[in-house]
Protein backbone atom coordinates (compact mmCIF):
# COMPACT_ATOMS: atom_id res chain seq x y z
CA MET A 1 0.00 0.00 0.00
CA CYS A 2 1.17 3.44 -0.74
CA GLU A 3 2.10 5.65 2.10
CA CYS A 4 -0.09 8.38 0.99
CA ASP A 5 -3.17 6.19 0.98
CA GLY A 6 -3.75 6.05 4.72
CA PRO A 7 -2.28 5.12 8.02
CA LYS A 8 0.80 3.03 7.94
CA PRO A 9 0.36 -0.63 8.75
CA ASN A 10 1.93 -2.22 11.70
CA THR A 11 5.46 -3.16 10.63
CA SER A 12 6.71 -4.45 13.92
CA ILE A 13 8.19 -7.93 13.91
CA HIS A 14 6.86 -10.39 16.38
CA PRO A 15 9.31 -12.17 18.45
CA GLY A 16 10.68 -15.27 16.86
CA SER A 17 9.74 -14.14 13.31
CA ALA A 18 12.50 -13.81 10.71
CA ALA A 19 10.37 -12.26 7.99
CA SER A 20 11.27 -8.92 6.68
CA PRO A 21 8.69 -6.15 6.29
CA PRO A 22 6.93 -5.83 2.87
CA PRO A 23 8.43 -3.33 0.47
CA VAL A 24 6.88 0.04 0.26
CA GLN A 25 5.48 0.92 -3.24
CA SER A 26 5.88 4.36 -4.62
CA CYS A 27 2.87 6.57 -5.19
CA ALA A 28 3.91 7.29 -8.72
CA ALA A 29 3.95 3.65 -9.71
CA THR A 30 0.62 2.79 -8.18
CA SER A 31 -1.20 5.92 -9.38
CA ALA A 32 -0.10 5.48 -12.99
CA SER A 33 -1.26 1.91 -13.24
CA PRO A 34 -5.06 2.47 -13.28
CA ARG A 35 -4.85 5.45 -15.77
CA SER A 36 -2.98 3.39 -18.36
CA THR A 37 -5.91 0.98 -19.04
CA SER A 38 -7.15 2.92 -22.21
CA PRO A 39 -5.78 1.46 -25.51
CA PRO A 40 -3.06 3.36 -27.24
CA PRO A 41 -4.01 5.47 -30.27
CA PRO A 42 -4.00 3.70 -33.63
CA PRO A 43 -0.57 3.76 -35.14
CA HIS A 44 -1.84 5.08 -38.52
CA LEU A 45 -3.22 8.30 -37.00
CA SER A 46 -0.87 11.09 -36.21
CA ALA A 47 -1.22 13.41 -33.32
CA THR A 48 -2.26 16.32 -35.51
CA ALA A 49 -4.71 14.43 -37.79
CA ARG A 50 -7.10 12.11 -35.93
CA TRP A 51 -9.73 11.99 -38.83
CA ALA A 52 -9.40 11.25 -42.49
CA PRO A 53 -12.19 11.78 -45.11
CA PRO A 54 -13.77 8.63 -46.54
CA SER A 55 -12.56 7.42 -49.88
CA PRO A 56 -14.64 8.77 -52.81
CA VAL A 57 -17.40 6.54 -54.24
CA PRO A 58 -16.61 5.45 -57.80
CA PRO A 59 -19.05 6.93 -60.39
CA ALA A 60 -21.79 4.76 -61.86
CA PRO A 61 -21.01 3.28 -65.26
CA THR A 62 -22.28 5.31 -68.18
CA VAL A 63 -25.01 3.64 -70.25
CA HIS A 64 -24.89 4.52 -73.92
CA LEU A 65 -28.21 4.54 -75.75
CA HIS A 66 -26.72 3.00 -78.84
CA CYS A 67 -25.93 -0.11 -76.85
CA ILE A 68 -29.61 -0.76 -76.17
CA ALA A 69 -31.39 -2.74 -78.85
CA PRO A 70 -34.32 -0.75 -80.33
CA LEU A 71 -37.83 -2.02 -79.84
CA PRO A 72 -39.33 -3.81 -82.82
CA PRO A 73 -41.86 -1.72 -84.79
CA PRO A 74 -45.55 -2.47 -84.26
CA PRO A 75 -47.12 -4.79 -86.78
CA SER A 76 -48.48 -2.96 -89.78
CA LEU A 77 -52.21 -2.90 -90.20
CA SER A 78 -53.81 -3.93 -93.44
CA ASN A 79 -56.71 -2.31 -95.21
CA ALA A 80 -58.81 -5.32 -94.25
CA ASP A 81 -58.42 -4.25 -90.57
CA ASP A 82 -59.69 -0.75 -91.20
CA SER A 83 -61.79 1.29 -88.86
CA SER A 84 -63.65 2.97 -91.69
CA LEU A 85 -67.00 1.62 -92.85
CA ASP A 86 -66.00 2.57 -96.38
CA GLY A 87 -62.73 0.66 -96.29
CA ASP A 88 -60.34 3.59 -96.83
CA ASP A 89 -58.54 3.67 -93.50
CA PRO A 90 -56.03 1.07 -92.29
CA THR A 91 -55.55 2.80 -88.93
CA PRO A 92 -57.94 1.68 -86.18
CA ALA A 93 -57.27 4.78 -84.15
CA ALA A 94 -58.00 7.14 -86.99
CA GLU A 95 -59.73 10.29 -85.82
CA MET A 96 -63.37 10.75 -86.81
CA ASN A 97 -63.86 14.03 -88.65
CA ALA A 98 -67.04 15.82 -89.67
CA PHE A 99 -66.91 14.71 -93.31
CA ARG A 100 -66.52 11.07 -92.43
CA LEU A 101 -69.29 11.15 -89.84
CA ALA A 102 -71.60 12.95 -92.26
CA GLY A 103 -70.80 10.37 -94.93
CA ASP A 104 -71.67 7.48 -92.60
CA MET A 105 -74.90 9.12 -91.53
CA THR A 106 -75.89 9.87 -95.13
CA HIS A 107 -75.23 6.27 -96.10
CA LEU A 108 -77.32 5.10 -93.17
CA LEU A 109 -80.08 7.53 -94.14
CA SER A 110 -80.26 6.08 -97.65
CA VAL A 111 -80.80 2.59 -96.18
CA VAL A 112 -83.47 3.91 -93.81
CA VAL A 113 -85.32 5.59 -96.70
CA LEU A 114 -85.34 2.37 -98.73
CA LEU A 115 -86.45 0.22 -95.78
CA LEU A 116 -89.16 2.77 -95.01
CA LYS A 117 -90.50 2.46 -98.53
CA ILE A 118 -90.45 -1.34 -98.53
CA HIS A 119 -91.81 -1.84 -95.02
CA THR A 120 -94.51 0.83 -94.90
CA ILE A 121 -95.69 1.00 -98.51
CA LYS A 122 -94.96 -2.69 -99.16
CA SER A 123 -93.54 -1.78 -102.55
CA CYS A 124 -90.15 -2.01 -104.21
CA ALA A 125 -91.18 -0.37 -107.48
CA GLY A 126 -88.26 1.41 -109.11
CA ILE A 127 -85.68 -0.48 -107.02
CA SER A 128 -83.16 -2.73 -108.74
CA LEU A 129 -82.73 -6.14 -107.13
CA LYS A 130 -79.46 -6.52 -109.01
CA THR A 131 -78.02 -3.45 -107.27
CA GLN A 132 -79.17 -4.68 -103.86
CA GLU A 133 -77.57 -8.07 -104.43
CA LEU A 134 -74.32 -6.38 -105.42
CA TYR A 135 -74.35 -4.25 -102.25
CA ALA A 136 -74.96 -7.34 -100.12
CA LEU A 137 -71.93 -8.94 -101.75
CA VAL A 138 -69.89 -5.76 -101.20
CA PHE A 139 -70.55 -5.68 -97.45
CA ALA A 140 -70.03 -9.44 -97.03
CA ALA A 141 -66.61 -9.24 -98.72
CA ARG A 142 -65.51 -6.06 -96.91
CA TYR A 143 -66.53 -6.89 -93.35
CA LEU A 144 -64.77 -10.26 -93.03
CA ASP A 145 -62.97 -8.90 -89.95
CA LEU A 146 -66.21 -8.18 -88.10
CA PHE A 147 -65.76 -10.94 -85.51
CA ILE A 148 -61.96 -10.97 -85.58
CA HIS A 149 -60.85 -7.38 -84.88
CA PHE A 150 -62.82 -5.15 -82.52
CA ILE A 151 -62.21 -1.50 -83.32
CA SER A 152 -65.04 0.36 -81.61
CA LEU A 153 -68.67 -0.10 -80.69
CA TYR A 154 -69.70 2.44 -83.31
CA ASN A 155 -67.78 0.60 -86.02
CA THR A 156 -69.18 -2.80 -85.10
CA VAL A 157 -72.79 -1.61 -84.84
CA MET A 158 -72.66 0.21 -88.18
CA LYS A 159 -71.19 -2.83 -89.94
CA LEU A 160 -73.91 -5.06 -88.52
CA VAL A 161 -76.57 -2.56 -89.62
CA PHE A 162 -75.31 -2.44 -93.22
CA LEU A 163 -74.98 -6.21 -93.44
CA ALA A 164 -78.40 -6.91 -91.95
CA SER A 165 -80.17 -4.20 -93.97
CA SER A 166 -78.68 -5.23 -97.32
CA PHE A 167 -79.58 -8.90 -96.91
CA SER A 168 -83.02 -8.08 -95.53
CA ILE A 169 -83.78 -5.88 -98.57
CA VAL A 170 -82.79 -8.75 -100.88
CA TRP A 171 -85.02 -11.10 -98.88
CA TYR A 172 -87.98 -8.69 -99.06
CA MET A 173 -87.68 -8.32 -102.81
CA ARG A 174 -87.27 -12.05 -103.42
CA ARG A 175 -89.40 -13.73 -100.76
CA HIS A 176 -91.97 -11.37 -99.29
CA LYS A 177 -95.32 -12.32 -100.76
CA ILE A 178 -96.52 -8.72 -101.23
CA VAL A 179 -93.29 -6.81 -101.89
CA ARG A 180 -92.01 -9.19 -104.53
CA ARG A 181 -95.11 -8.61 -106.66
CA THR A 182 -94.13 -4.96 -107.10
CA TYR A 183 -90.63 -5.80 -108.36
CA ASP A 184 -90.18 -4.74 -111.98
CA LYS A 185 -88.12 -7.67 -113.23
CA ASP A 186 -88.97 -6.94 -116.85
CA HIS A 187 -86.93 -3.73 -116.80
CA ASP A 188 -84.32 -4.83 -114.26
CA THR A 189 -82.42 -6.97 -116.76
CA PHE A 190 -78.87 -5.68 -116.23
CA ARG A 191 -76.45 -8.64 -116.26
CA HIS A 192 -74.73 -7.87 -113.00
CA HIS A 193 -72.48 -10.95 -113.12
CA PHE A 194 -70.61 -9.10 -115.86
CA LEU A 195 -69.63 -6.66 -113.11
CA VAL A 196 -68.69 -9.24 -110.47
CA LEU A 197 -66.17 -11.24 -112.50
CA PRO A 198 -64.13 -8.26 -113.83
CA CYS A 199 -63.99 -6.72 -110.34
CA LEU A 200 -62.74 -10.00 -108.87
CA ALA A 201 -60.11 -10.32 -111.59
CA LEU A 202 -59.00 -6.72 -110.99
CA ALA A 203 -58.73 -7.38 -107.24
CA LEU A 204 -56.46 -10.35 -107.92
CA LEU A 205 -54.20 -8.15 -110.03
CA ILE A 206 -54.26 -4.85 -108.12
CA ASN A 207 -54.34 -5.04 -104.32
CA GLU A 208 -52.39 -3.89 -101.29
CA ARG A 209 -51.24 -7.41 -100.33
CA PHE A 210 -51.89 -10.71 -101.99
CA THR A 211 -53.84 -12.31 -99.13
CA PHE A 212 -57.39 -13.54 -99.05
CA ARG A 213 -58.76 -10.71 -96.92
CA GLU A 214 -56.85 -8.03 -98.84
CA VAL A 215 -58.10 -9.37 -102.17
CA MET A 216 -61.67 -9.44 -100.83
CA TRP A 217 -61.26 -5.88 -99.54
CA ALA A 218 -60.08 -4.65 -102.95
CA PHE A 219 -62.88 -6.62 -104.63
CA SER A 220 -65.48 -4.87 -102.45
CA ILE A 221 -64.04 -1.45 -103.33
CA TYR A 222 -64.11 -2.12 -107.07
CA LEU A 223 -67.57 -3.66 -106.97
CA GLU A 224 -69.11 -0.84 -104.95
CA ALA A 225 -67.90 1.66 -107.55
CA VAL A 226 -70.13 0.09 -110.22
CA ALA A 227 -72.91 -1.46 -108.10
CA ILE A 228 -75.22 1.48 -108.80
CA LEU A 229 -75.24 0.85 -112.57
CA PRO A 230 -78.26 -1.55 -112.60
CA GLN A 231 -80.23 0.96 -110.52
CA LEU A 232 -79.45 3.87 -112.86
CA VAL A 233 -80.30 1.81 -115.91
CA LEU A 234 -83.63 0.80 -114.38
CA LEU A 235 -84.51 4.43 -113.64
CA GLN A 236 -83.71 5.43 -117.21
CA ARG A 237 -85.89 2.67 -118.59
CA THR A 238 -88.95 3.27 -116.40
CA ARG A 239 -88.65 7.09 -116.26
CA ASN A 240 -91.09 6.94 -113.36
CA ILE A 241 -89.19 7.85 -110.23
CA ASP A 242 -91.09 8.36 -106.99
CA ASN A 243 -89.83 10.61 -104.22
CA LEU A 244 -88.49 7.85 -101.92
CA THR A 245 -86.59 6.15 -104.74
CA GLY A 246 -85.08 9.45 -105.86
CA GLN A 247 -84.06 10.30 -102.29
CA TYR A 248 -82.54 6.86 -101.81
CA VAL A 249 -80.28 7.19 -104.87
CA PHE A 250 -79.42 10.81 -104.02
CA PHE A 251 -78.29 9.92 -100.47
CA LEU A 252 -76.20 7.04 -101.83
CA GLY A 253 -74.36 9.44 -104.12
CA ALA A 254 -74.04 12.14 -101.45
CA TYR A 255 -72.42 9.64 -99.11
CA ARG A 256 -69.66 9.04 -101.63
CA VAL A 257 -69.13 12.76 -102.22
CA LEU A 258 -68.75 13.32 -98.46
CA TYR A 259 -66.19 10.53 -98.25
CA ILE A 260 -64.15 12.18 -100.99
CA LEU A 261 -64.12 15.36 -98.90
CA ASN A 262 -63.02 13.21 -95.96
CA TRP A 263 -60.07 11.92 -98.02
CA ILE A 264 -59.06 15.44 -99.02
CA TYR A 265 -59.20 16.62 -95.41
CA ARG A 266 -57.14 13.71 -94.14
CA TYR A 267 -54.60 14.06 -96.94
CA PHE A 268 -53.72 17.55 -95.66
CA THR A 269 -53.96 16.74 -91.93
CA GLU A 270 -52.46 13.24 -91.65
CA PRO A 271 -48.97 12.27 -92.79
CA HIS A 272 -48.60 9.54 -95.39
CA PHE A 273 -52.34 9.23 -96.03
CA VAL A 274 -52.43 7.78 -99.55
CA HIS A 275 -54.86 5.05 -100.68
CA TRP A 276 -55.02 4.95 -104.45
CA ILE A 277 -57.40 1.99 -104.72
CA SER A 278 -60.10 3.69 -102.66
CA TRP A 279 -59.52 7.07 -104.28
CA VAL A 280 -59.75 5.95 -107.90
CA ALA A 281 -62.76 3.73 -107.25
CA GLY A 282 -64.50 6.50 -105.30
CA ILE A 283 -63.99 9.03 -108.08
CA VAL A 284 -65.37 6.59 -110.66
CA GLN A 285 -68.40 5.94 -108.48
CA THR A 286 -69.06 9.66 -108.03
CA LEU A 287 -68.85 10.29 -111.77
CA LEU A 288 -71.57 7.69 -112.36
CA TYR A 289 -73.89 9.76 -110.15
CA ALA A 290 -73.12 13.05 -111.90
CA ASP A 291 -75.93 12.78 -114.43
CA PHE A 292 -78.45 11.78 -111.77
CA PHE A 293 -77.36 14.64 -109.48
CA TYR A 294 -77.96 17.15 -112.22
CA TYR A 295 -81.52 16.05 -112.96
CA TYR A 296 -82.36 15.57 -109.29
CA ILE A 297 -81.28 19.10 -108.37
CA MET A 298 -83.08 20.58 -111.39
CA SER A 299 -86.33 18.79 -110.50
CA TRP A 300 -86.07 19.95 -106.90
CA LYS A 301 -85.31 23.52 -107.99
CA ASN A 302 -88.20 23.65 -110.48
CA ASN A 303 -90.50 21.62 -108.26
CA VAL A 304 -91.27 19.07 -110.96
CA LYS A 305 -91.26 15.28 -111.06
CA LEU A 306 -87.86 13.68 -111.44
CA GLU A 307 -87.30 12.07 -114.84
CA LEU A 308 -84.09 10.77 -116.36
CA PRO A 309 -83.50 10.89 -120.12
CA ALA A 310 -83.69 7.54 -121.88
């Protein structure tokens, strides 16, 4: 024990003992011992610099865009997958404009006028069965994608309406016991199969792609362009055109004119909008109506009965 820590112990030697007294420890030695229990400073730190900044983080590797493989282009859409009821538009998301909507509604109005005449008056006088059969064939060939590709509810409903109305008109004129008696088969003698075969041959030669649906699409475009010929010939032969029949033919022609305006509008507002098959066939179809338009407008202007020259 250190001398400075308290009273001195009894160092007297008992009689008969030869032991020597314990050595006296110095205060310096005993006081330094408990203070030296902390570990010495790390050898790599100096006395003046006890902290070193962390090593910098290496930068992330640079990703070059040219190293990434480009995504494959979306599959091209064919004319047979069009969103247009007329068959001119291979883009399902094509925007509906006023001309196109007006053309669809005018086409629908022509069908309503004809069905109104047949159903209410129970007469098909002045209507060509050959033209109605050609239109039924046109819609059947064009709308092969009806149950394969869904584009919109509007598109599907309108296609179903045109298909059902065209075949129902043919059924009325052929099978209805009252309506079929009014059919003028003596004047409706146009050989319409002479129109079907050339249009089919032309579709096999000139089409967008040589596939079944594309050939049928082109066939429907060519056939629609000339399907009105039996109707115009019948009107020239009978020269007796009632108001509903005249309105029906006029709305059919107006629908095509509105679709031509739709093509012109889209040509200037949409990039790469070029469809020569539809354009040429549509112009030919409109020219066939030119003579009828002239006499229809003149009869309406002069308030006289519509008559076509023989």
